[in-house]
Amino acid sequence: MSEPFSTPLSRRDFLSTSAKLGAFIAAAPYIARGADVVGKSDQLNVALIGCGEQGGVLLNAALKIPNIRFKAVCDIWSYRRTYGERLLKKFGHDPKPYEDYRELLASHPELDAVIIATPDFKHAEHTVAALKAGKHVYCEKLMSNTVEGARAMVVAARETKKLLQLGHQRRSNPRYQHAKDQIVTGNRLLGRVTNISGQWHRAVTDDFGFPANQAISEAKLHEYGYANMHEFRNWRWFKQYAGGPMSDLGAHQIDVYNWMLGVNPRMCIASGGVDYYKTHQWYDNAMAIFEYPTKEGVVRATYEVLTTTSAGGGYHEYFMGDEGSLKISENPKYTKLYREARAPDWDQWTAKGIVASPLSGEGAPPSVKPWEKVGVKKLGGPAKASTVDVRETAALSAWDIPVTLDKAIHQPHLENFFDAIRQGTPLNCTGESAFATAVTILKINESIAAGKKLTFEPSDFIA
């Protein structure tokens, strides 16, 4: 079993020492490090720790990026370690395979960066070790399955002055960036945002299995912190290793809430349970409500993750304002942009390439008259010829976002990370930003367990 990671500074000590530096460090801790990374050669030497399903996804995305050389791969399961090694060799790399990440870090001083795609409960241990070994780190979300682990990662990045990017890849998606900068925030096409809803619905699935002749020995599983092979393969469903579907799926989308609004929530109340999969520990269906205190007023937000049905439109985030609404997803077919009839004309934004021409057919709501004259029959008496004004929902017009992503969804986020190393480009998801999201997500599970509303203090989001 690996040695547990240690937190170099306590939260109280850090807050005390950072008070003199003001908000600048928390807001932009990587800006001053540009000089440390500018001047690097074009080729970056990289290692992957964690060759499971998500590690494979990141490998395939990284292989599309020029001048990245994988020098090593690491996984405790030889079955997946061999997969990673063979895939890289197929594309001309010659990585050395390792079971123990500590041996990898000690054997490759030439590494510029490490990509970490291990289970959540290992993120802090692996990230802190890689940072202290002098490597920049790209780590998958959720940052950690504990607040303490997430905080240790941020502190280690600050102390080592190395880059830490977390895998909330929507922040590097050009469609999401355009939506935030040009529609929600910059030109405020939605007007005042008052509500958000979001969801991820998945159909019932079987647990992951494994080839009978490829099982890891019980002794080795215990050495690395796993109870058995079933939990190793299905770690997302067990409390020792992860935060359940809210952590696995909801983290991506609730991060978008925080990012788009530019604030963190002040309250959370949630409900969920082990309603279907009786062999799991984490909630298979969960729903949460938040309050976000923006400058214009409270934004009330809901989120639900369902793992027992695919009904209801897959996965998306829906920002609703008094002049327009944005329904956005990594899957373009779920994305729509709506203009309220009361909003100023959007023709100028079409001309500037901010929005695309109105859609027709699927997704375009039917026209509804904003005002009608109707007859009213009074109760207890004969019908009386009378009319009243009744306000109904005015017609919405459906538009599109004229920005597309023609790459694998993780590729732009990896490119941003590598550009930060080479050129000092600002990271799109720093440790500080991801820490606030981790705190938000972990509070949902806490609220479900407590069965009550829980509140956030501003200090809760400071690592």
Protein backbone atom coordinates (compact mmCIF):
# COMPACT_ATOMS: atom_id res chain seq x y z
CA MET A 1 0.00 0.00 0.00
CA SER A 2 1.37 3.40 -0.89
CA GLU A 3 2.29 5.84 1.81
CA PRO A 4 -0.54 8.31 2.45
CA PHE A 5 0.00 11.79 1.10
CA SER A 6 0.65 14.59 3.57
CA THR A 7 -0.67 18.13 3.46
CA PRO A 8 2.29 20.52 3.65
CA LEU A 9 0.28 23.42 5.05
CA SER A 10 -2.85 23.39 7.13
CA ARG A 11 -5.79 25.37 5.81
CA ARG A 12 -5.49 27.82 8.72
CA ASP A 13 -1.77 28.33 8.09
CA PHE A 14 -2.30 28.88 4.41
CA LEU A 15 -5.11 31.40 4.89
CA SER A 16 -2.96 33.27 7.38
CA THR A 17 0.11 33.50 5.17
CA SER A 18 -1.88 34.28 2.04
CA ALA A 19 -3.90 37.09 3.61
CA LYS A 20 -1.10 39.56 2.93
CA LEU A 21 -1.09 38.69 -0.74
CA GLY A 22 -4.78 39.42 -1.17
CA ALA A 23 -7.10 37.92 -3.72
CA PHE A 24 -4.54 38.00 -6.54
CA ILE A 25 -2.99 34.66 -5.66
CA ALA A 26 -6.34 32.89 -5.42
CA ALA A 27 -7.61 34.42 -8.64
CA ALA A 28 -4.53 34.00 -10.82
CA PRO A 29 -1.89 31.83 -9.15
CA TYR A 30 -0.34 30.68 -12.42
CA ILE A 31 0.15 34.01 -14.18
CA ALA A 32 3.50 34.68 -12.56
CA ARG A 33 4.78 31.31 -13.66
CA GLY A 34 4.80 32.06 -17.36
CA ALA A 35 8.54 32.76 -17.23
CA ASP A 36 9.11 29.33 -15.72
CA VAL A 37 7.66 27.52 -18.71
CA VAL A 38 8.33 29.75 -21.72
CA GLY A 39 11.28 28.57 -23.76
CA LYS A 40 10.56 24.86 -23.56
CA SER A 41 11.29 22.85 -26.68
CA ASP A 42 8.31 21.88 -28.76
CA GLN A 43 8.46 18.23 -27.75
CA LEU A 44 6.99 17.38 -24.38
CA ASN A 45 7.77 14.13 -22.60
CA VAL A 46 4.68 12.73 -20.91
CA ALA A 47 3.63 9.73 -18.81
CA LEU A 48 0.18 8.29 -18.12
CA ILE A 49 -0.76 6.96 -14.69
CA GLY A 50 -3.99 4.99 -14.97
CA CYS A 51 -4.67 3.09 -18.20
CA GLY A 52 -8.33 2.27 -17.58
CA GLU A 53 -11.28 3.40 -19.67
CA GLN A 54 -10.74 7.11 -19.05
CA GLY A 55 -7.00 6.78 -19.43
CA GLY A 56 -7.62 5.25 -22.84
CA VAL A 57 -9.86 8.16 -23.79
CA LEU A 58 -7.16 10.66 -22.85
CA LEU A 59 -4.49 8.67 -24.67
CA ASN A 60 -6.50 8.67 -27.87
CA ALA A 61 -7.05 12.43 -27.60
CA ALA A 62 -3.40 13.17 -26.79
CA LEU A 63 -2.19 11.10 -29.72
CA LYS A 64 -3.82 13.65 -32.04
CA ILE A 65 -1.65 16.46 -30.62
CA PRO A 66 1.74 17.08 -32.29
CA ASN A 67 5.07 16.81 -30.47
CA ILE A 68 3.86 14.81 -27.48
CA ARG A 69 6.02 11.79 -26.63
CA PHE A 70 4.81 9.23 -24.13
CA LYS A 71 7.75 7.85 -22.20
CA ALA A 72 5.93 5.66 -19.69
CA VAL A 73 2.58 4.19 -18.70
CA CYS A 74 1.53 2.92 -15.29
CA ASP A 75 -1.32 0.75 -14.04
CA ILE A 76 -1.56 -1.88 -11.32
CA TRP A 77 -3.55 -4.10 -13.72
CA SER A 78 -1.26 -5.65 -16.33
CA TYR A 79 -4.25 -6.18 -18.63
CA ARG A 80 -4.83 -2.43 -19.04
CA ARG A 81 -1.16 -1.52 -18.73
CA THR A 82 -0.46 -3.71 -21.75
CA TYR A 83 -3.33 -2.04 -23.62
CA GLY A 84 -1.80 1.40 -23.05
CA GLU A 85 1.68 0.25 -24.01
CA ARG A 86 0.49 -1.42 -27.23
CA LEU A 87 -1.67 1.51 -28.27
CA LEU A 88 1.23 3.93 -27.90
CA LYS A 89 3.64 1.65 -29.76
CA LYS A 90 1.15 1.46 -32.60
CA PHE A 91 1.57 5.22 -33.01
CA GLY A 92 5.36 5.23 -32.81
CA HIS A 93 5.92 5.78 -29.09
CA ASP A 94 8.11 3.53 -26.96
CA PRO A 95 6.74 3.79 -23.41
CA LYS A 96 8.14 1.83 -20.50
CA PRO A 97 5.45 0.05 -18.45
CA TYR A 98 5.24 0.31 -14.66
CA GLU A 99 3.03 -1.10 -11.95
CA ASP A 100 4.13 1.36 -9.25
CA TYR A 101 3.85 5.07 -10.00
CA ARG A 102 6.71 5.82 -7.59
CA GLU A 103 9.10 3.76 -9.68
CA LEU A 104 7.92 5.57 -12.80
CA LEU A 105 8.54 9.01 -11.30
CA ALA A 106 11.95 8.01 -9.99
CA SER A 107 13.03 6.51 -13.32
CA HIS A 108 12.10 9.36 -15.68
CA PRO A 109 13.66 12.72 -14.78
CA GLU A 110 13.12 13.79 -18.40
CA LEU A 111 9.34 13.93 -17.99
CA ASP A 112 7.69 17.31 -18.42
CA ALA A 113 4.20 16.23 -17.45
CA VAL A 114 2.09 13.42 -16.06
CA ILE A 115 -1.53 12.66 -16.96
CA ILE A 116 -3.43 11.03 -14.10
CA ALA A 117 -6.57 8.98 -14.78
CA THR A 118 -6.76 6.79 -11.69
CA PRO A 119 -9.78 6.38 -9.34
CA ASP A 120 -10.71 9.50 -7.40
CA PHE A 121 -9.34 8.31 -4.05
CA LYS A 122 -5.86 8.08 -5.60
CA HIS A 123 -5.84 11.50 -7.27
CA ALA A 124 -4.34 13.40 -4.36
CA GLU A 125 -1.64 10.82 -3.68
CA HIS A 126 -0.58 10.57 -7.32
CA THR A 127 -0.86 14.29 -8.08
CA VAL A 128 1.08 15.46 -5.03
CA ALA A 129 3.84 12.94 -5.74
CA ALA A 130 4.13 13.97 -9.40
CA LEU A 131 4.17 17.69 -8.54
CA LYS A 132 6.86 17.15 -5.93
CA ALA A 133 8.86 15.19 -8.50
CA GLY A 134 8.90 18.35 -10.63
CA LYS A 135 6.24 17.38 -13.17
CA HIS A 136 3.28 19.38 -14.39
CA VAL A 137 0.03 17.47 -13.86
CA TYR A 138 -3.19 16.98 -15.79
CA CYS A 139 -5.57 15.10 -13.46
CA GLU A 140 -9.01 13.80 -14.25
CA LYS A 141 -12.00 15.07 -12.31
CA LEU A 142 -13.38 14.80 -9.67
CA MET A 143 -10.34 16.39 -8.09
CA SER A 144 -10.55 14.11 -5.06
CA ASN A 145 -13.16 12.17 -3.12
CA THR A 146 -12.35 14.32 -0.06
CA VAL A 147 -11.99 18.06 0.49
CA GLU A 148 -8.72 17.44 2.30
CA GLY A 149 -7.30 15.55 -0.66
CA ALA A 150 -8.32 18.29 -3.10
CA ARG A 151 -6.78 20.95 -0.86
CA ALA A 152 -3.49 19.02 -0.67
CA MET A 153 -3.30 19.05 -4.47
CA VAL A 154 -3.72 22.82 -4.67
CA VAL A 155 -1.15 23.43 -1.93
CA ALA A 156 1.36 21.13 -3.63
CA ALA A 157 0.95 22.97 -6.93
CA ARG A 158 1.56 26.30 -5.21
CA GLU A 159 4.61 25.07 -3.35
CA THR A 160 6.23 23.39 -6.35
CA LYS A 161 5.21 26.13 -8.80
CA LYS A 162 4.09 23.47 -11.23
CA LEU A 163 0.95 23.56 -13.35
CA LEU A 164 -2.15 21.64 -12.26
CA GLN A 165 -4.99 21.28 -14.74
CA LEU A 166 -8.15 19.37 -13.79
CA GLY A 167 -10.18 17.47 -16.36
CA HIS A 168 -13.32 19.62 -16.55
CA GLN A 169 -12.93 19.65 -20.32
CA ARG A 170 -16.01 21.73 -21.14
CA ARG A 171 -14.00 24.78 -20.10
CA SER A 172 -11.82 24.30 -23.19
CA ASN A 173 -14.65 23.40 -25.56
CA PRO A 174 -14.97 26.31 -28.06
CA ARG A 175 -18.78 26.00 -28.11
CA TYR A 176 -18.93 26.36 -24.32
CA GLN A 177 -16.38 29.18 -24.35
CA HIS A 178 -18.39 31.03 -27.00
CA ALA A 179 -21.59 30.49 -25.03
CA LYS A 180 -20.05 31.88 -21.87
CA ASP A 181 -18.06 34.77 -23.30
CA GLN A 182 -20.40 35.92 -26.08
CA ILE A 183 -23.90 34.85 -25.04
CA VAL A 184 -24.26 34.47 -21.27
CA THR A 185 -21.68 36.97 -19.98
CA GLY A 186 -20.26 39.21 -22.68
CA ASN A 187 -23.33 40.34 -24.65
CA ARG A 188 -25.89 39.06 -22.15
CA LEU A 189 -28.26 37.72 -24.77
CA LEU A 190 -30.14 35.80 -22.09
CA GLY A 191 -30.74 38.96 -20.09
CA ARG A 192 -30.81 38.26 -16.39
CA VAL A 193 -30.28 34.55 -15.73
CA THR A 194 -32.79 33.45 -13.10
CA ASN A 195 -32.74 29.66 -13.26
CA ILE A 196 -30.56 26.74 -14.30
CA SER A 197 -31.44 23.12 -14.75
CA GLY A 198 -29.21 20.25 -15.75
CA GLN A 199 -29.32 16.51 -16.09
CA TRP A 200 -27.50 13.37 -17.08
CA HIS A 201 -29.72 10.36 -17.76
CA ARG A 202 -28.28 6.92 -18.41
CA ALA A 203 -29.98 3.63 -19.09
CA VAL A 204 -29.54 0.62 -16.84
CA THR A 205 -26.15 -1.01 -17.37
CA ASP A 206 -24.40 -4.07 -16.06
CA ASP A 207 -21.37 -3.77 -13.81
CA PHE A 208 -17.95 -4.04 -15.44
CA GLY A 209 -16.50 -7.51 -15.51
CA PHE A 210 -13.06 -8.83 -16.41
CA PRO A 211 -11.48 -11.80 -18.17
CA ALA A 212 -11.26 -14.68 -15.72
CA ASN A 213 -7.59 -15.23 -16.47
CA GLN A 214 -6.74 -11.56 -15.99
CA ALA A 215 -7.80 -11.03 -12.38
CA ILE A 216 -5.40 -9.21 -10.06
CA SER A 217 -4.37 -11.24 -7.03
CA GLU A 218 -6.14 -10.45 -3.79
CA ALA A 219 -2.84 -9.61 -2.11
CA LYS A 220 -1.97 -7.03 -4.77
CA LEU A 221 -5.45 -5.51 -4.66
CA HIS A 222 -5.16 -5.08 -0.91
CA GLU A 223 -1.69 -3.56 -1.32
CA TYR A 224 -3.14 -0.82 -3.49
CA GLY A 225 -6.25 -0.21 -1.41
CA TYR A 226 -8.95 -2.31 -3.13
CA ALA A 227 -11.19 -4.85 -1.42
CA ASN A 228 -11.67 -7.15 -4.41
CA MET A 229 -11.71 -7.30 -8.18
CA HIS A 230 -15.38 -6.36 -8.48
CA GLU A 231 -14.84 -3.13 -6.54
CA PHE A 232 -11.64 -2.44 -8.47
CA ARG A 233 -13.54 -2.62 -11.75
CA ASN A 234 -16.60 -0.73 -10.45
CA TRP A 235 -14.92 1.69 -8.08
CA ARG A 236 -17.22 4.58 -9.02
CA TRP A 237 -20.07 2.89 -7.13
CA PHE A 238 -18.24 2.46 -3.80
CA LYS A 239 -17.74 5.12 -1.13
CA GLN A 240 -14.15 4.23 -0.34
CA TYR A 241 -13.00 5.12 -3.83
CA ALA A 242 -15.25 7.83 -5.29
CA GLY A 243 -18.32 10.04 -4.91
CA GLY A 244 -20.84 8.12 -6.99
CA PRO A 245 -22.74 9.39 -10.06
CA MET A 246 -22.87 12.94 -8.70
CA SER A 247 -19.08 12.92 -8.68
CA ASP A 248 -18.65 10.93 -11.87
CA LEU A 249 -21.21 12.74 -14.05
CA GLY A 250 -22.56 15.71 -12.12
CA ALA A 251 -19.10 17.15 -11.54
CA HIS A 252 -18.77 18.04 -15.21
CA GLN A 253 -22.07 19.88 -15.34
CA ILE A 254 -22.19 21.61 -11.98
CA ASP A 255 -18.69 22.89 -12.76
CA VAL A 256 -20.32 24.60 -15.74
CA TYR A 257 -22.88 26.24 -13.41
CA ASN A 258 -20.11 27.74 -11.25
CA TRP A 259 -18.00 28.71 -14.26
CA MET A 260 -20.76 30.33 -16.33
CA LEU A 261 -22.15 32.33 -13.40
CA GLY A 262 -18.74 33.24 -12.01
CA VAL A 263 -19.88 32.53 -8.45
CA ASN A 264 -20.22 29.57 -6.12
CA PRO A 265 -23.50 28.48 -4.49
CA ARG A 266 -24.57 29.51 -1.00
CA MET A 267 -26.96 26.62 -0.34
CA CYS A 268 -27.58 23.03 -1.34
CA ILE A 269 -30.35 20.56 -0.58
CA ALA A 270 -30.44 17.13 -2.19
CA SER A 271 -32.22 13.80 -2.24
CA GLY A 272 -31.10 10.42 -3.51
CA GLY A 273 -30.86 6.76 -2.71
CA VAL A 274 -29.75 3.27 -3.62
CA ASP A 275 -33.05 2.64 -5.34
CA TYR A 276 -32.15 0.12 -8.01
CA TYR A 277 -28.64 -1.34 -7.89
CA LYS A 278 -28.69 -3.17 -4.58
CA THR A 279 -25.05 -4.26 -4.85
CA HIS A 280 -23.81 -0.66 -4.95
CA GLN A 281 -23.09 1.79 -2.14
CA TRP A 282 -23.61 5.09 -3.92
CA TYR A 283 -26.95 6.64 -4.88
CA ASP A 284 -28.03 5.54 -8.34
CA ASN A 285 -30.51 8.42 -8.66
CA ALA A 286 -29.95 11.83 -7.06
CA MET A 287 -31.32 15.36 -7.37
CA ALA A 288 -29.98 18.63 -5.99
CA ILE A 289 -31.13 22.26 -5.63
CA PHE A 290 -28.76 25.23 -5.31
CA GLU A 291 -28.97 28.96 -4.73
CA TYR A 292 -26.37 31.15 -6.44
CA PRO A 293 -25.99 34.74 -5.15
CA THR A 294 -25.21 36.79 -8.28
CA LYS A 295 -24.99 40.58 -8.52
CA GLU A 296 -28.38 40.70 -10.23
CA GLY A 297 -30.11 38.46 -7.72
CA VAL A 298 -30.50 34.83 -6.76
CA VAL A 299 -30.20 32.16 -9.43
CA ARG A 300 -32.00 28.96 -8.46
CA ALA A 301 -30.53 25.84 -9.98
CA THR A 302 -31.48 22.17 -10.09
CA TYR A 303 -29.53 19.13 -11.17
CA GLU A 304 -30.38 15.47 -11.46
CA VAL A 305 -28.39 12.39 -12.35
CA LEU A 306 -30.35 9.24 -13.19
CA THR A 307 -28.70 5.92 -13.95
CA THR A 308 -31.85 3.85 -14.46
CA THR A 309 -33.34 5.51 -17.56
CA SER A 310 -32.15 7.25 -20.69
CA ALA A 311 -35.46 9.06 -21.12
CA GLY A 312 -35.66 12.83 -21.08
CA GLY A 313 -32.99 14.00 -23.45
CA GLY A 314 -29.61 12.67 -22.38
CA TYR A 315 -27.32 15.23 -20.79
CA HIS A 316 -27.29 19.02 -20.93
CA GLU A 317 -27.15 22.25 -18.92
CA TYR A 318 -29.99 24.77 -19.35
CA PHE A 319 -29.46 28.46 -18.50
CA MET A 320 -32.75 30.36 -18.43
CA GLY A 321 -33.00 34.15 -18.52
CA ASP A 322 -35.68 36.77 -18.91
CA GLU A 323 -34.64 37.47 -22.53
CA GLY A 324 -33.38 34.10 -23.70
CA SER A 325 -32.33 30.60 -22.72
CA LEU A 326 -29.39 28.39 -23.57
CA LYS A 327 -29.57 24.61 -23.56
CA ILE A 328 -26.04 23.34 -24.12
CA SER A 329 -24.37 19.95 -24.21
CA GLU A 330 -21.17 18.31 -25.42
CA ASN A 331 -23.54 16.51 -27.76
CA PRO A 332 -24.55 19.16 -30.33
CA LYS A 333 -27.95 17.55 -30.95
CA TYR A 334 -29.02 18.57 -27.44
CA THR A 335 -27.93 22.19 -27.88
CA LYS A 336 -30.49 24.95 -28.56
CA LEU A 337 -30.58 28.70 -28.04
CA TYR A 338 -33.93 30.45 -27.54
CA ARG A 339 -34.89 34.12 -27.74
CA GLU A 340 -37.86 35.46 -25.80
CA ALA A 341 -40.31 37.61 -27.76
CA ARG A 342 -39.72 40.50 -25.35
CA ALA A 343 -35.97 40.54 -26.02
CA PRO A 344 -34.25 43.04 -28.34
CA ASP A 345 -33.80 41.80 -31.90
CA TRP A 346 -30.87 39.43 -32.41
CA ASP A 347 -30.18 40.32 -36.04
CA GLN A 348 -27.12 42.33 -35.01
CA TRP A 349 -25.72 39.26 -33.26
CA THR A 350 -26.29 37.15 -36.35
CA ALA A 351 -24.34 39.67 -38.42
CA LYS A 352 -21.48 39.54 -35.92
CA GLY A 353 -21.40 35.75 -35.86
CA ILE A 354 -22.52 35.51 -32.23
CA VAL A 355 -25.61 33.43 -33.02
CA ALA A 356 -26.72 31.53 -36.11
CA SER A 357 -29.93 32.12 -38.06
CA PRO A 358 -33.17 30.88 -36.47
CA LEU A 359 -33.71 27.16 -36.58
CA SER A 360 -36.78 25.56 -38.07
CA GLY A 361 -38.33 22.16 -37.56
CA GLU A 362 -37.06 20.15 -34.61
CA GLY A 363 -36.47 22.28 -31.55
CA ALA A 364 -38.43 25.30 -32.75
CA PRO A 365 -41.43 25.80 -30.45
CA PRO A 366 -44.81 26.48 -32.07
CA SER A 367 -45.98 30.07 -32.30
CA VAL A 368 -48.14 31.18 -29.42
CA LYS A 369 -50.06 34.45 -29.37
CA PRO A 370 -48.88 36.68 -26.55
CA TRP A 371 -52.38 38.06 -25.96
CA GLU A 372 -55.83 36.62 -26.48
CA LYS A 373 -59.42 37.73 -25.95
CA VAL A 374 -61.46 34.95 -24.36
CA GLY A 375 -65.03 34.62 -23.18
CA VAL A 376 -65.62 33.97 -19.49
CA LYS A 377 -68.54 32.03 -18.01
CA LYS A 378 -69.27 33.01 -14.44
CA LEU A 379 -69.96 30.20 -11.99
CA GLY A 380 -73.53 29.94 -10.76
CA GLY A 381 -75.06 32.02 -13.50
CA PRO A 382 -75.65 32.28 -17.23
CA ALA A 383 -72.85 32.91 -19.62
CA LYS A 384 -72.05 36.57 -19.89
CA ALA A 385 -70.58 38.18 -22.91
CA SER A 386 -67.34 39.48 -21.49
CA THR A 387 -63.68 39.51 -22.40
CA VAL A 388 -60.51 39.68 -20.33
CA ASP A 389 -56.89 39.94 -21.27
CA VAL A 390 -54.98 36.72 -20.57
CA ARG A 391 -51.21 36.78 -20.87
CA GLU A 392 -49.81 33.58 -22.33
CA THR A 393 -46.29 32.47 -23.06
CA ALA A 394 -45.00 34.47 -26.02
CA ALA A 395 -43.47 32.58 -28.90
CA LEU A 396 -39.84 31.56 -28.56
CA SER A 397 -37.55 31.54 -31.57
CA ALA A 398 -34.87 28.86 -31.71
CA TRP A 399 -31.30 29.68 -32.76
CA ASP A 400 -27.94 27.93 -32.86
CA ILE A 401 -24.36 28.50 -31.71
CA PRO A 402 -22.20 29.10 -34.82
CA VAL A 403 -19.12 27.45 -33.31
CA THR A 404 -18.30 23.79 -33.75
CA LEU A 405 -15.83 21.38 -32.21
CA ASP A 406 -14.19 19.15 -34.80
CA LYS A 407 -11.90 17.35 -32.35
CA ALA A 408 -12.26 14.75 -29.64
CA ILE A 409 -13.97 16.43 -26.69
CA HIS A 410 -10.91 16.09 -24.42
CA GLN A 411 -8.38 17.26 -26.99
CA PRO A 412 -8.76 21.06 -26.57
CA HIS A 413 -8.35 20.74 -22.79
CA LEU A 414 -5.15 18.71 -23.20
CA GLU A 415 -3.94 21.21 -25.80
CA ASN A 416 -4.52 24.03 -23.33
CA PHE A 417 -2.48 22.15 -20.71
CA PHE A 418 0.41 21.52 -23.11
CA ASP A 419 0.30 25.13 -24.36
CA ALA A 420 0.55 26.29 -20.75
CA ILE A 421 3.73 24.27 -20.33
CA ARG A 422 5.27 25.42 -23.61
CA GLN A 423 4.12 29.04 -23.77
CA GLY A 424 2.71 30.05 -20.39
CA THR A 425 -0.86 30.09 -21.75
CA PRO A 426 -3.31 30.45 -18.81
CA LEU A 427 -4.88 27.18 -17.74
CA ASN A 428 -8.60 26.84 -18.34
CA CYS A 429 -9.20 24.85 -15.15
CA THR A 430 -6.71 25.51 -12.38
CA GLY A 431 -6.58 23.64 -9.11
CA GLU A 432 -8.32 26.52 -7.38
CA SER A 433 -11.26 26.45 -9.79
CA ALA A 434 -11.58 22.70 -9.57
CA PHE A 435 -11.37 22.82 -5.79
CA ALA A 436 -14.51 24.97 -5.64
CA THR A 437 -16.31 22.44 -7.84
CA ALA A 438 -15.16 19.53 -5.68
CA VAL A 439 -16.49 21.28 -2.58
CA THR A 440 -19.83 21.83 -4.33
CA ILE A 441 -20.14 18.22 -5.45
CA LEU A 442 -19.13 16.65 -2.16
CA LYS A 443 -21.70 18.81 -0.35
CA ILE A 444 -24.47 17.20 -2.42
CA ASN A 445 -23.67 13.74 -1.07
CA GLU A 446 -23.37 15.22 2.41
CA SER A 447 -26.81 16.81 2.09
CA ILE A 448 -28.38 13.53 0.96
CA ALA A 449 -26.83 11.68 3.90
CA ALA A 450 -27.93 14.34 6.38
CA GLY A 451 -31.41 14.68 4.89
CA LYS A 452 -31.36 18.46 5.18
CA LYS A 453 -30.35 21.74 3.60
CA LEU A 454 -26.69 22.66 3.97
CA THR A 455 -25.06 26.05 3.47
CA PHE A 456 -21.71 27.18 2.10
CA GLU A 457 -19.47 29.87 3.52
CA PRO A 458 -17.21 31.79 1.11
CA SER A 459 -14.22 30.38 2.97
CA ASP A 460 -15.33 26.85 2.11
CA PHE A 461 -14.22 27.40 -1.49
CA ILE A 462 -10.71 28.61 -0.61
CA ALA A 463 -8.08 25.90 -0.79
